[in-house]
Amino acid sequence: MSTPRAALGVTLVLAAALFFGVCGPFGKVVIQAGLTPIQVTWLRICGVCLIALAAAVVPLLRLRGRDERLPWGGLVLFGLTAIAAVQAFYFIAVERLPVGIALLLEFMGPIVVVAWVRFVRRTVLPRAAVVGTLLSIAGLCIVVEVWSGLRLDAVGLVAGSAAAACQATYFLSGERLTAKVDVRVLLAVGFAVGAVALAPFAAPWALDWAALSSEVALGGIETTGIVSVALLIGCTALAYGLGLSGLRFITAPVAGGIGYAEVVVASLAAWALLGEALTVPQIIGGLVVIAGVFTAQRAVAVKTALPDETPEAAVARLN
């Protein structure tokens, strides 16, 4: 039976998947307004970076007062891979492969997590965690309709596979770093590194800033590009914050399996906000993904609590 810590971890990761899932439409309308995907990604990262830096002031001052050192190598690696590279490689894959195939490749990340934990860490995983992840993969294949128009492009396949590896580091390195570093500090450093790393590719000096004032439509409501970007930034900040906080209570393989719910949410958000209708196979696939998430949830393994720490105290550390 799940403990309060496990239930909290599952809830946080599911909430993160919800916020990650609704990000797509907010970014897509701005891209349609004239910005490139990399430029939208860079704006997204910079916005979250400012929020994270403001939130990290207090914990950083506490660290300075205690004269504690941060694991800078791990933090920089997290920013380069789990924040910057995963999105950059995904957009390269999208340029050369059908979007559905690129998305499927990126979401092979949880399988990489399961393989890493099983064969590198040599940790025996609950059977339900593995079954749930594989079931979610099968459902995802149906959601993106992998049978419709696959073009085997070598560069695209490599980029998509690299995106999966980078997504795996989000769960694996996030699991380790959140045990050592305050989530607010992790996000501040990670997004700062990501913003710097993507700047040369986004070319902000050539960005069409007028596109942010152009009118866009979300769910039949007329608004502007800057409002959509603000929503994108807010949802991204919440998604990363909730997801990394959840990794303090459940294992990376289980979190990866639950994260597949993002694909279902993204499909529903595209239907509600952009009018992109769901096909019958996509609805069926979504139900299979949900079944996989439920199966993985039953295998929740609670991370070892800190000495003399109650669940209430653990929750308090997130605030």
C-alpha atoms as a PDB file:
ATOM      1  CA  MET A   1       0.000   0.000   0.000  1.00  0.00           C
ATOM      2  CA  SER A   2       1.240   3.468  -0.816  1.00  0.00           C
ATOM      3  CA  THR A   3       2.440   5.634   2.046  1.00  0.00           C
ATOM      4  CA  PRO A   4       1.672   9.361   2.345  1.00  0.00           C
ATOM      5  CA  ARG A   5       5.141  10.128   0.925  1.00  0.00           C
ATOM      6  CA  ALA A   6       4.530   7.922  -2.106  1.00  0.00           C
ATOM      7  CA  ALA A   7       1.067   9.353  -2.673  1.00  0.00           C
ATOM      8  CA  LEU A   8       2.516  12.866  -2.505  1.00  0.00           C
ATOM      9  CA  GLY A   9       5.239  11.975  -5.012  1.00  0.00           C
ATOM     10  CA  VAL A  10       2.731  10.486  -7.457  1.00  0.00           C
ATOM     11  CA  THR A  11       0.463  13.522  -7.130  1.00  0.00           C
ATOM     12  CA  LEU A  12       3.336  15.950  -7.774  1.00  0.00           C
ATOM     13  CA  VAL A  13       4.595  14.061 -10.849  1.00  0.00           C
ATOM     14  CA  LEU A  14       1.078  13.773 -12.281  1.00  0.00           C
ATOM     15  CA  ALA A  15       0.553  17.510 -11.717  1.00  0.00           C
ATOM     16  CA  ALA A  16       3.868  18.169 -13.480  1.00  0.00           C
ATOM     17  CA  ALA A  17       2.695  16.080 -16.452  1.00  0.00           C
ATOM     18  CA  LEU A  18      -0.483  18.166 -16.546  1.00  0.00           C
ATOM     19  CA  PHE A  19       1.415  21.456 -16.734  1.00  0.00           C
ATOM     20  CA  PHE A  20       3.982  20.082 -19.210  1.00  0.00           C
ATOM     21  CA  GLY A  21       1.135  18.838 -21.397  1.00  0.00           C
ATOM     22  CA  VAL A  22      -0.628  22.197 -21.714  1.00  0.00           C
ATOM     23  CA  CYS A  23       2.599  23.976 -22.702  1.00  0.00           C
ATOM     24  CA  GLY A  24       2.389  22.818 -26.336  1.00  0.00           C
ATOM     25  CA  PRO A  25      -0.515  24.996 -27.517  1.00  0.00           C
ATOM     26  CA  PHE A  26       0.892  28.075 -25.786  1.00  0.00           C
ATOM     27  CA  GLY A  27       4.184  27.661 -27.645  1.00  0.00           C
ATOM     28  CA  LYS A  28       2.651  26.622 -30.968  1.00  0.00           C
ATOM     29  CA  VAL A  29       0.575  29.778 -31.450  1.00  0.00           C
ATOM     30  CA  VAL A  30       3.669  31.935 -30.899  1.00  0.00           C
ATOM     31  CA  ILE A  31       5.607  29.861 -33.424  1.00  0.00           C
ATOM     32  CA  GLN A  32       2.767  30.364 -35.883  1.00  0.00           C
ATOM     33  CA  ALA A  33       3.018  34.103 -35.168  1.00  0.00           C
ATOM     34  CA  GLY A  34       6.551  34.194 -36.549  1.00  0.00           C
ATOM     35  CA  LEU A  35       9.118  32.963 -34.015  1.00  0.00           C
ATOM     36  CA  THR A  36      11.198  29.825 -34.525  1.00  0.00           C
ATOM     37  CA  PRO A  37      10.771  26.859 -32.155  1.00  0.00           C
ATOM     38  CA  ILE A  38      14.254  27.419 -30.718  1.00  0.00           C
ATOM     39  CA  GLN A  39      13.495  31.085 -30.069  1.00  0.00           C
ATOM     40  CA  VAL A  40      10.273  30.202 -28.261  1.00  0.00           C
ATOM     41  CA  THR A  41      12.169  27.609 -26.236  1.00  0.00           C
ATOM     42  CA  TRP A  42      14.827  30.176 -25.331  1.00  0.00           C
ATOM     43  CA  LEU A  43      12.199  32.706 -24.204  1.00  0.00           C
ATOM     44  CA  ARG A  44      10.567  29.965 -22.176  1.00  0.00           C
ATOM     45  CA  ILE A  45      13.838  29.031 -20.481  1.00  0.00           C
ATOM     46  CA  CYS A  46      14.807  32.653 -19.797  1.00  0.00           C
ATOM     47  CA  GLY A  47      11.419  33.403 -18.241  1.00  0.00           C
ATOM     48  CA  VAL A  48      11.561  30.384 -15.943  1.00  0.00           C
ATOM     49  CA  CYS A  49      15.161  31.281 -15.106  1.00  0.00           C
ATOM     50  CA  LEU A  50      14.084  34.678 -13.760  1.00  0.00           C
ATOM     51  CA  ILE A  51      11.334  33.092 -11.654  1.00  0.00           C
ATOM     52  CA  ALA A  52      13.694  30.404 -10.349  1.00  0.00           C
ATOM     53  CA  LEU A  53      16.431  32.921  -9.484  1.00  0.00           C
ATOM     54  CA  ALA A  54      13.964  35.003  -7.484  1.00  0.00           C
ATOM     55  CA  ALA A  55      12.700  31.902  -5.653  1.00  0.00           C
ATOM     56  CA  ALA A  56      16.253  30.688  -4.948  1.00  0.00           C
ATOM     57  CA  VAL A  57      17.469  33.834  -3.158  1.00  0.00           C
ATOM     58  CA  VAL A  58      16.557  32.602   0.333  1.00  0.00           C
ATOM     59  CA  PRO A  59      17.988  29.061   0.030  1.00  0.00           C
ATOM     60  CA  LEU A  60      21.159  30.453  -1.591  1.00  0.00           C
ATOM     61  CA  LEU A  61      21.643  32.857   1.317  1.00  0.00           C
ATOM     62  CA  ARG A  62      21.173  29.961   3.732  1.00  0.00           C
ATOM     63  CA  LEU A  63      23.821  27.964   1.900  1.00  0.00           C
ATOM     64  CA  ARG A  64      26.217  30.896   2.046  1.00  0.00           C
ATOM     65  CA  GLY A  65      25.586  31.266   5.776  1.00  0.00           C
ATOM     66  CA  ARG A  66      26.379  27.590   6.348  1.00  0.00           C
ATOM     67  CA  ASP A  67      29.317  27.756   3.962  1.00  0.00           C
ATOM     68  CA  GLU A  68      28.033  24.736   2.014  1.00  0.00           C
ATOM     69  CA  ARG A  69      29.268  23.868  -1.462  1.00  0.00           C
ATOM     70  CA  LEU A  70      26.971  22.975  -4.310  1.00  0.00           C
ATOM     71  CA  PRO A  71      27.566  20.008  -6.668  1.00  0.00           C
ATOM     72  CA  TRP A  72      28.306  22.346  -9.573  1.00  0.00           C
ATOM     73  CA  GLY A  73      29.244  19.584 -11.996  1.00  0.00           C
ATOM     74  CA  GLY A  74      25.906  17.859 -11.574  1.00  0.00           C
ATOM     75  CA  LEU A  75      23.981  21.129 -11.728  1.00  0.00           C
ATOM     76  CA  VAL A  76      25.660  22.210 -14.968  1.00  0.00           C
ATOM     77  CA  LEU A  77      25.081  18.768 -16.499  1.00  0.00           C
ATOM     78  CA  PHE A  78      21.407  18.979 -15.526  1.00  0.00           C
ATOM     79  CA  GLY A  79      21.050  22.393 -17.175  1.00  0.00           C
ATOM     80  CA  LEU A  80      22.791  21.314 -20.365  1.00  0.00           C
ATOM     81  CA  THR A  81      20.942  18.031 -20.791  1.00  0.00           C
ATOM     82  CA  ALA A  82      17.625  18.036 -18.928  1.00  0.00           C
ATOM     83  CA  ILE A  83      16.740  21.615 -19.854  1.00  0.00           C
ATOM     84  CA  ALA A  84      18.605  22.819 -22.955  1.00  0.00           C
ATOM     85  CA  ALA A  85      19.680  19.764 -24.970  1.00  0.00           C
ATOM     86  CA  VAL A  86      16.465  17.765 -24.636  1.00  0.00           C
ATOM     87  CA  GLN A  87      14.494  20.557 -26.298  1.00  0.00           C
ATOM     88  CA  ALA A  88      17.153  21.385 -28.907  1.00  0.00           C
ATOM     89  CA  PHE A  89      17.511  17.747 -30.030  1.00  0.00           C
ATOM     90  CA  TYR A  90      13.736  17.366 -30.143  1.00  0.00           C
ATOM     91  CA  PHE A  91      13.373  20.304 -32.539  1.00  0.00           C
ATOM     92  CA  ILE A  92      16.143  18.922 -34.764  1.00  0.00           C
ATOM     93  CA  ALA A  93      14.250  15.625 -34.893  1.00  0.00           C
ATOM     94  CA  VAL A  94      10.990  17.411 -35.699  1.00  0.00           C
ATOM     95  CA  GLU A  95      12.621  19.066 -38.716  1.00  0.00           C
ATOM     96  CA  ARG A  96      13.617  15.694 -40.201  1.00  0.00           C
ATOM     97  CA  LEU A  97      10.951  13.257 -38.947  1.00  0.00           C
ATOM     98  CA  PRO A  98       7.171  13.317 -38.536  1.00  0.00           C
ATOM     99  CA  VAL A  99       6.250  15.048 -35.272  1.00  0.00           C
ATOM    100  CA  GLY A 100       4.677  11.858 -33.906  1.00  0.00           C
ATOM    101  CA  ILE A 101       7.843   9.836 -34.464  1.00  0.00           C
ATOM    102  CA  ALA A 102      10.014  12.580 -32.924  1.00  0.00           C
ATOM    103  CA  LEU A 103       7.736  12.658 -29.881  1.00  0.00           C
ATOM    104  CA  LEU A 104       7.835   8.883 -29.584  1.00  0.00           C
ATOM    105  CA  LEU A 105      11.635   8.883 -29.741  1.00  0.00           C
ATOM    106  CA  GLU A 106      11.897  11.546 -27.041  1.00  0.00           C
ATOM    107  CA  PHE A 107       9.516   9.670 -24.771  1.00  0.00           C
ATOM    108  CA  MET A 108      11.693   6.584 -24.943  1.00  0.00           C
ATOM    109  CA  GLY A 109      13.530   8.347 -22.114  1.00  0.00           C
ATOM    110  CA  PRO A 110      11.743   6.415 -19.336  1.00  0.00           C
ATOM    111  CA  ILE A 111      12.813   3.155 -20.987  1.00  0.00           C
ATOM    112  CA  VAL A 112      16.397   4.419 -20.806  1.00  0.00           C
ATOM    113  CA  VAL A 113      15.786   5.149 -17.115  1.00  0.00           C
ATOM    114  CA  VAL A 114      14.488   1.642 -16.469  1.00  0.00           C
ATOM    115  CA  ALA A 115      17.426   0.074 -18.347  1.00  0.00           C
ATOM    116  CA  TRP A 116      19.961   2.278 -16.522  1.00  0.00           C
ATOM    117  CA  VAL A 117      18.583   1.489 -13.079  1.00  0.00           C
ATOM    118  CA  ARG A 118      18.303  -2.229 -13.827  1.00  0.00           C
ATOM    119  CA  PHE A 119      21.611  -2.887 -15.606  1.00  0.00           C
ATOM    120  CA  VAL A 120      23.950  -0.085 -14.472  1.00  0.00           C
ATOM    121  CA  ARG A 121      22.791   0.428 -10.894  1.00  0.00           C
ATOM    122  CA  ARG A 122      21.865  -3.277 -10.762  1.00  0.00           C
ATOM    123  CA  THR A 123      18.647  -2.492  -8.915  1.00  0.00           C
ATOM    124  CA  VAL A 124      15.795  -4.974  -9.098  1.00  0.00           C
ATOM    125  CA  LEU A 125      12.659  -3.059 -10.101  1.00  0.00           C
ATOM    126  CA  PRO A 126       9.082  -3.963  -9.193  1.00  0.00           C
ATOM    127  CA  ARG A 127       7.539  -5.868 -12.087  1.00  0.00           C
ATOM    128  CA  ALA A 128       4.575  -3.475 -12.152  1.00  0.00           C
ATOM    129  CA  ALA A 129       6.913  -0.500 -12.750  1.00  0.00           C
ATOM    130  CA  VAL A 130       8.394  -2.165 -15.833  1.00  0.00           C
ATOM    131  CA  VAL A 131       5.021  -3.405 -17.108  1.00  0.00           C
ATOM    132  CA  GLY A 132       3.463   0.024 -16.568  1.00  0.00           C
ATOM    133  CA  THR A 133       6.234   1.776 -18.489  1.00  0.00           C
ATOM    134  CA  LEU A 134       6.026  -0.667 -21.414  1.00  0.00           C
ATOM    135  CA  LEU A 135       2.232  -0.380 -21.477  1.00  0.00           C
ATOM    136  CA  SER A 136       2.533   3.400 -21.589  1.00  0.00           C
ATOM    137  CA  ILE A 137       5.006   3.105 -24.486  1.00  0.00           C
ATOM    138  CA  ALA A 138       2.485   0.967 -26.393  1.00  0.00           C
ATOM    139  CA  GLY A 139      -0.262   3.491 -25.736  1.00  0.00           C
ATOM    140  CA  LEU A 140       2.011   6.331 -26.837  1.00  0.00           C
ATOM    141  CA  CYS A 141       2.673   4.528 -30.136  1.00  0.00           C
ATOM    142  CA  ILE A 142      -1.075   4.516 -30.744  1.00  0.00           C
ATOM    143  CA  VAL A 143      -1.517   8.159 -29.682  1.00  0.00           C
ATOM    144  CA  VAL A 144       1.094   9.425 -32.167  1.00  0.00           C
ATOM    145  CA  GLU A 145      -0.058   6.910 -34.826  1.00  0.00           C
ATOM    146  CA  VAL A 146       3.431   5.674 -35.654  1.00  0.00           C
ATOM    147  CA  TRP A 147       2.138   3.764 -38.671  1.00  0.00           C
ATOM    148  CA  SER A 148       1.383   6.980 -40.600  1.00  0.00           C
ATOM    149  CA  GLY A 149       4.301   8.083 -42.717  1.00  0.00           C
ATOM    150  CA  LEU A 150       7.636   7.159 -41.131  1.00  0.00           C
ATOM    151  CA  ARG A 151      10.677   8.592 -42.930  1.00  0.00           C
ATOM    152  CA  LEU A 152      13.950   7.081 -41.816  1.00  0.00           C
ATOM    153  CA  ASP A 153      16.338  10.015 -41.640  1.00  0.00           C
ATOM    154  CA  ALA A 154      19.633   9.173 -39.947  1.00  0.00           C
ATOM    155  CA  VAL A 155      20.206  12.624 -38.428  1.00  0.00           C
ATOM    156  CA  GLY A 156      16.608  12.798 -37.240  1.00  0.00           C
ATOM    157  CA  LEU A 157      16.774   9.385 -35.608  1.00  0.00           C
ATOM    158  CA  VAL A 158      20.052  10.247 -33.864  1.00  0.00           C
ATOM    159  CA  ALA A 159      18.624  13.564 -32.655  1.00  0.00           C
ATOM    160  CA  GLY A 160      15.448  11.883 -31.380  1.00  0.00           C
ATOM    161  CA  SER A 161      17.492   9.238 -29.584  1.00  0.00           C
ATOM    162  CA  ALA A 162      19.674  11.962 -28.054  1.00  0.00           C
ATOM    163  CA  ALA A 163      16.518  13.727 -26.836  1.00  0.00           C
ATOM    164  CA  ALA A 164      15.460  10.492 -25.134  1.00  0.00           C
ATOM    165  CA  ALA A 165      18.843  10.176 -23.423  1.00  0.00           C
ATOM    166  CA  CYS A 166      18.614  13.782 -22.244  1.00  0.00           C
ATOM    167  CA  GLN A 167      15.083  13.250 -20.978  1.00  0.00           C
ATOM    168  CA  ALA A 168      16.351  10.260 -19.016  1.00  0.00           C
ATOM    169  CA  THR A 169      18.879  12.518 -17.279  1.00  0.00           C
ATOM    170  CA  TYR A 170      15.983  14.687 -16.100  1.00  0.00           C
ATOM    171  CA  PHE A 171      14.694  11.749 -14.062  1.00  0.00           C
ATOM    172  CA  LEU A 172      18.037  10.173 -13.105  1.00  0.00           C
ATOM    173  CA  SER A 173      20.070  13.267 -12.251  1.00  0.00           C
ATOM    174  CA  GLY A 174      16.984  14.985 -10.874  1.00  0.00           C
ATOM    175  CA  GLU A 175      16.440  12.068  -8.506  1.00  0.00           C
ATOM    176  CA  ARG A 176      19.996  12.383  -7.188  1.00  0.00           C
ATOM    177  CA  LEU A 177      20.270  16.166  -7.119  1.00  0.00           C
ATOM    178  CA  THR A 178      16.987  16.759  -5.309  1.00  0.00           C
ATOM    179  CA  ALA A 179      18.363  14.662  -2.459  1.00  0.00           C
ATOM    180  CA  LYS A 180      21.303  17.075  -2.122  1.00  0.00           C
ATOM    181  CA  VAL A 181      20.104  20.451  -3.351  1.00  0.00           C
ATOM    182  CA  ASP A 182      17.020  22.566  -2.736  1.00  0.00           C
ATOM    183  CA  VAL A 183      14.704  22.278  -5.763  1.00  0.00           C
ATOM    184  CA  ARG A 184      14.666  26.073  -6.115  1.00  0.00           C
ATOM    185  CA  VAL A 185      18.453  26.194  -6.358  1.00  0.00           C
ATOM    186  CA  LEU A 186      18.496  23.295  -8.828  1.00  0.00           C
ATOM    187  CA  LEU A 187      16.009  25.089 -11.076  1.00  0.00           C
ATOM    188  CA  ALA A 188      17.792  28.442 -10.844  1.00  0.00           C
ATOM    189  CA  VAL A 189      21.188  27.043 -11.821  1.00  0.00           C
ATOM    190  CA  GLY A 190      19.767  24.605 -14.382  1.00  0.00           C
ATOM    191  CA  PHE A 191      17.716  27.175 -16.259  1.00  0.00           C
ATOM    192  CA  ALA A 192      20.530  29.746 -16.141  1.00  0.00           C
ATOM    193  CA  VAL A 193      22.854  27.206 -17.764  1.00  0.00           C
ATOM    194  CA  GLY A 194      20.148  26.299 -20.285  1.00  0.00           C
ATOM    195  CA  ALA A 195      19.538  29.938 -21.237  1.00  0.00           C
ATOM    196  CA  VAL A 196      23.231  30.556 -21.866  1.00  0.00           C
ATOM    197  CA  ALA A 197      23.671  27.290 -23.785  1.00  0.00           C
ATOM    198  CA  LEU A 198      20.746  27.927 -26.157  1.00  0.00           C
ATOM    199  CA  ALA A 199      21.412  31.638 -26.746  1.00  0.00           C
ATOM    200  CA  PRO A 200      23.710  31.132 -29.784  1.00  0.00           C
ATOM    201  CA  PHE A 201      21.116  28.906 -31.459  1.00  0.00           C
ATOM    202  CA  ALA A 202      18.132  31.141 -30.626  1.00  0.00           C
ATOM    203  CA  ALA A 203      19.934  34.280 -31.876  1.00  0.00           C
ATOM    204  CA  PRO A 204      17.909  36.672 -29.687  1.00  0.00           C
ATOM    205  CA  TRP A 205      19.563  39.625 -31.468  1.00  0.00           C
ATOM    206  CA  ALA A 206      17.643  38.592 -34.607  1.00  0.00           C
ATOM    207  CA  LEU A 207      14.375  37.742 -32.836  1.00  0.00           C
ATOM    208  CA  ASP A 208      11.210  39.288 -34.265  1.00  0.00           C
ATOM    209  CA  TRP A 209       9.955  40.903 -31.066  1.00  0.00           C
ATOM    210  CA  ALA A 210       6.912  42.292 -32.905  1.00  0.00           C
ATOM    211  CA  ALA A 211       5.553  38.729 -33.061  1.00  0.00           C
ATOM    212  CA  LEU A 212       4.918  38.911 -29.316  1.00  0.00           C
ATOM    213  CA  SER A 213       2.395  41.710 -29.804  1.00  0.00           C
ATOM    214  CA  SER A 214       0.520  39.962 -32.627  1.00  0.00           C
ATOM    215  CA  GLU A 215      -2.914  38.488 -31.990  1.00  0.00           C
ATOM    216  CA  VAL A 216      -3.258  34.764 -31.364  1.00  0.00           C
ATOM    217  CA  ALA A 217      -6.256  32.573 -30.532  1.00  0.00           C
ATOM    218  CA  LEU A 218      -6.453  30.058 -27.693  1.00  0.00           C
ATOM    219  CA  GLY A 219      -9.655  28.123 -27.258  1.00  0.00           C
ATOM    220  CA  GLY A 220     -11.550  30.680 -29.318  1.00  0.00           C
ATOM    221  CA  ILE A 221     -10.300  33.557 -27.157  1.00  0.00           C
ATOM    222  CA  GLU A 222      -8.274  36.292 -28.834  1.00  0.00           C
ATOM    223  CA  THR A 223      -5.119  37.298 -26.985  1.00  0.00           C
ATOM    224  CA  THR A 224      -1.530  38.292 -27.781  1.00  0.00           C
ATOM    225  CA  GLY A 225       1.720  36.418 -28.212  1.00  0.00           C
ATOM    226  CA  ILE A 226       3.185  37.875 -25.023  1.00  0.00           C
ATOM    227  CA  VAL A 227       0.255  36.505 -22.977  1.00  0.00           C
ATOM    228  CA  SER A 228       0.765  33.066 -24.512  1.00  0.00           C
ATOM    229  CA  VAL A 229       4.488  33.196 -23.725  1.00  0.00           C
ATOM    230  CA  ALA A 230       3.689  34.221 -20.150  1.00  0.00           C
ATOM    231  CA  LEU A 231       1.342  31.227 -19.799  1.00  0.00           C
ATOM    232  CA  LEU A 232       4.031  28.994 -21.316  1.00  0.00           C
ATOM    233  CA  ILE A 233       6.611  30.236 -18.811  1.00  0.00           C
ATOM    234  CA  GLY A 234       4.267  29.873 -15.848  1.00  0.00           C
ATOM    235  CA  CYS A 235       3.241  26.317 -16.744  1.00  0.00           C
ATOM    236  CA  THR A 236       6.864  25.326 -17.391  1.00  0.00           C
ATOM    237  CA  ALA A 237       8.006  26.681 -14.023  1.00  0.00           C
ATOM    238  CA  LEU A 238       5.234  24.797 -12.230  1.00  0.00           C
ATOM    239  CA  ALA A 239       5.922  21.616 -14.212  1.00  0.00           C
ATOM    240  CA  TYR A 240       9.635  21.501 -13.410  1.00  0.00           C
ATOM    241  CA  GLY A 241       9.116  22.523  -9.800  1.00  0.00           C
ATOM    242  CA  LEU A 242       6.408  19.956  -9.129  1.00  0.00           C
ATOM    243  CA  GLY A 243       8.153  17.177 -11.067  1.00  0.00           C
ATOM    244  CA  LEU A 244      11.507  17.586  -9.330  1.00  0.00           C
ATOM    245  CA  SER A 245       9.783  17.850  -5.954  1.00  0.00           C
ATOM    246  CA  GLY A 246       7.997  14.580  -6.690  1.00  0.00           C
ATOM    247  CA  LEU A 247      11.331  12.888  -7.357  1.00  0.00           C
ATOM    248  CA  ARG A 248      12.150  13.361  -3.675  1.00  0.00           C
ATOM    249  CA  PHE A 249       9.489  10.791  -2.815  1.00  0.00           C
ATOM    250  CA  ILE A 250       9.351   8.246  -5.657  1.00  0.00           C
ATOM    251  CA  THR A 251      11.962   6.572  -7.823  1.00  0.00           C
ATOM    252  CA  ALA A 252      13.018   7.758 -11.282  1.00  0.00           C
ATOM    253  CA  PRO A 253      11.631   4.687 -13.154  1.00  0.00           C
ATOM    254  CA  VAL A 254       8.186   5.099 -11.599  1.00  0.00           C
ATOM    255  CA  ALA A 255       8.197   8.860 -12.211  1.00  0.00           C
ATOM    256  CA  GLY A 256       9.159   8.207 -15.837  1.00  0.00           C
ATOM    257  CA  GLY A 257       6.220   5.848 -16.312  1.00  0.00           C
ATOM    258  CA  ILE A 258       3.778   8.303 -14.768  1.00  0.00           C
ATOM    259  CA  GLY A 259       5.209  11.079 -16.951  1.00  0.00           C
ATOM    260  CA  TYR A 260       3.629   9.513 -20.035  1.00  0.00           C
ATOM    261  CA  ALA A 261       0.385  11.120 -18.926  1.00  0.00           C
ATOM    262  CA  GLU A 262       1.847  14.295 -20.443  1.00  0.00           C
ATOM    263  CA  VAL A 263       1.165  12.983 -23.955  1.00  0.00           C
ATOM    264  CA  VAL A 264      -2.512  12.452 -23.208  1.00  0.00           C
ATOM    265  CA  VAL A 265      -2.794  15.906 -21.633  1.00  0.00           C
ATOM    266  CA  ALA A 266      -1.007  17.460 -24.623  1.00  0.00           C
ATOM    267  CA  SER A 267      -3.485  15.849 -27.026  1.00  0.00           C
ATOM    268  CA  LEU A 268      -6.461  17.072 -24.999  1.00  0.00           C
ATOM    269  CA  ALA A 269      -4.966  20.571 -24.698  1.00  0.00           C
ATOM    270  CA  ALA A 270      -4.394  20.748 -28.466  1.00  0.00           C
ATOM    271  CA  TRP A 271      -8.035  19.756 -29.007  1.00  0.00           C
ATOM    272  CA  ALA A 272      -9.404  22.259 -26.481  1.00  0.00           C
ATOM    273  CA  LEU A 273      -7.158  25.243 -27.264  1.00  0.00           C
ATOM    274  CA  LEU A 274      -6.246  24.758 -30.931  1.00  0.00           C
ATOM    275  CA  GLY A 275      -9.170  22.744 -32.257  1.00  0.00           C
ATOM    276  CA  GLU A 276      -6.952  19.809 -33.224  1.00  0.00           C
ATOM    277  CA  ALA A 277      -9.419  16.919 -33.146  1.00  0.00           C
ATOM    278  CA  LEU A 278      -8.495  13.586 -31.590  1.00  0.00           C
ATOM    279  CA  THR A 279      -8.846  10.463 -33.715  1.00  0.00           C
ATOM    280  CA  VAL A 280     -10.353   7.246 -32.423  1.00  0.00           C
ATOM    281  CA  PRO A 281      -6.893   5.543 -32.260  1.00  0.00           C
ATOM    282  CA  GLN A 282      -5.558   8.507 -30.260  1.00  0.00           C
ATOM    283  CA  ILE A 283      -8.392   8.191 -27.752  1.00  0.00           C
ATOM    284  CA  ILE A 284      -7.749   4.446 -27.446  1.00  0.00           C
ATOM    285  CA  GLY A 285      -4.031   5.067 -27.078  1.00  0.00           C
ATOM    286  CA  GLY A 286      -4.712   7.635 -24.383  1.00  0.00           C
ATOM    287  CA  LEU A 287      -6.670   5.084 -22.395  1.00  0.00           C
ATOM    288  CA  VAL A 288      -3.783   2.613 -22.737  1.00  0.00           C
ATOM    289  CA  VAL A 289      -1.344   5.275 -21.478  1.00  0.00           C
ATOM    290  CA  ILE A 290      -3.590   5.909 -18.484  1.00  0.00           C
ATOM    291  CA  ALA A 291      -3.673   2.164 -17.793  1.00  0.00           C
ATOM    292  CA  GLY A 292       0.124   2.123 -17.870  1.00  0.00           C
ATOM    293  CA  VAL A 293       0.314   5.069 -15.481  1.00  0.00           C
ATOM    294  CA  PHE A 294      -2.069   3.314 -13.088  1.00  0.00           C
ATOM    295  CA  THR A 295       0.024   0.142 -13.253  1.00  0.00           C
ATOM    296  CA  ALA A 296       3.248   2.045 -12.560  1.00  0.00           C
ATOM    297  CA  GLN A 297       1.596   3.947  -9.717  1.00  0.00           C
ATOM    298  CA  ARG A 298       0.814   0.687  -7.945  1.00  0.00           C
ATOM    299  CA  ALA A 299       4.547  -0.039  -7.932  1.00  0.00           C
ATOM    300  CA  VAL A 300       5.463   3.234  -6.231  1.00  0.00           C
ATOM    301  CA  ALA A 301       8.619   2.797  -4.221  1.00  0.00           C
ATOM    302  CA  VAL A 302       9.069   5.449  -1.567  1.00  0.00           C
ATOM    303  CA  LYS A 303      12.527   6.893  -1.296  1.00  0.00           C
ATOM    304  CA  THR A 304      14.324   6.528   2.013  1.00  0.00           C
ATOM    305  CA  ALA A 305      13.326   9.299   4.352  1.00  0.00           C
ATOM    306  CA  LEU A 306      15.906  11.445   6.058  1.00  0.00           C
ATOM    307  CA  PRO A 307      16.732  10.403   9.637  1.00  0.00           C
ATOM    308  CA  ASP A 308      13.937  11.350  12.061  1.00  0.00           C
ATOM    309  CA  GLU A 309      11.984  13.041   9.269  1.00  0.00           C
ATOM    310  CA  THR A 310       8.233  12.705   9.229  1.00  0.00           C
ATOM    311  CA  PRO A 311       6.184  12.965   6.027  1.00  0.00           C
ATOM    312  CA  GLU A 312       4.901  16.316   7.262  1.00  0.00           C
ATOM    313  CA  ALA A 313       8.467  17.586   7.680  1.00  0.00           C
ATOM    314  CA  ALA A 314       9.350  16.344   4.197  1.00  0.00           C
ATOM    315  CA  VAL A 315       6.438  18.265   2.733  1.00  0.00           C
ATOM    316  CA  ALA A 316       7.472  21.363   4.681  1.00  0.00           C
ATOM    317  CA  ARG A 317      10.891  21.261   3.007  1.00  0.00           C
ATOM    318  CA  LEU A 318       9.171  21.901  -0.328  1.00  0.00           C
ATOM    319  CA  ASN A 319       7.647  25.159   0.871  1.00  0.00           C
END
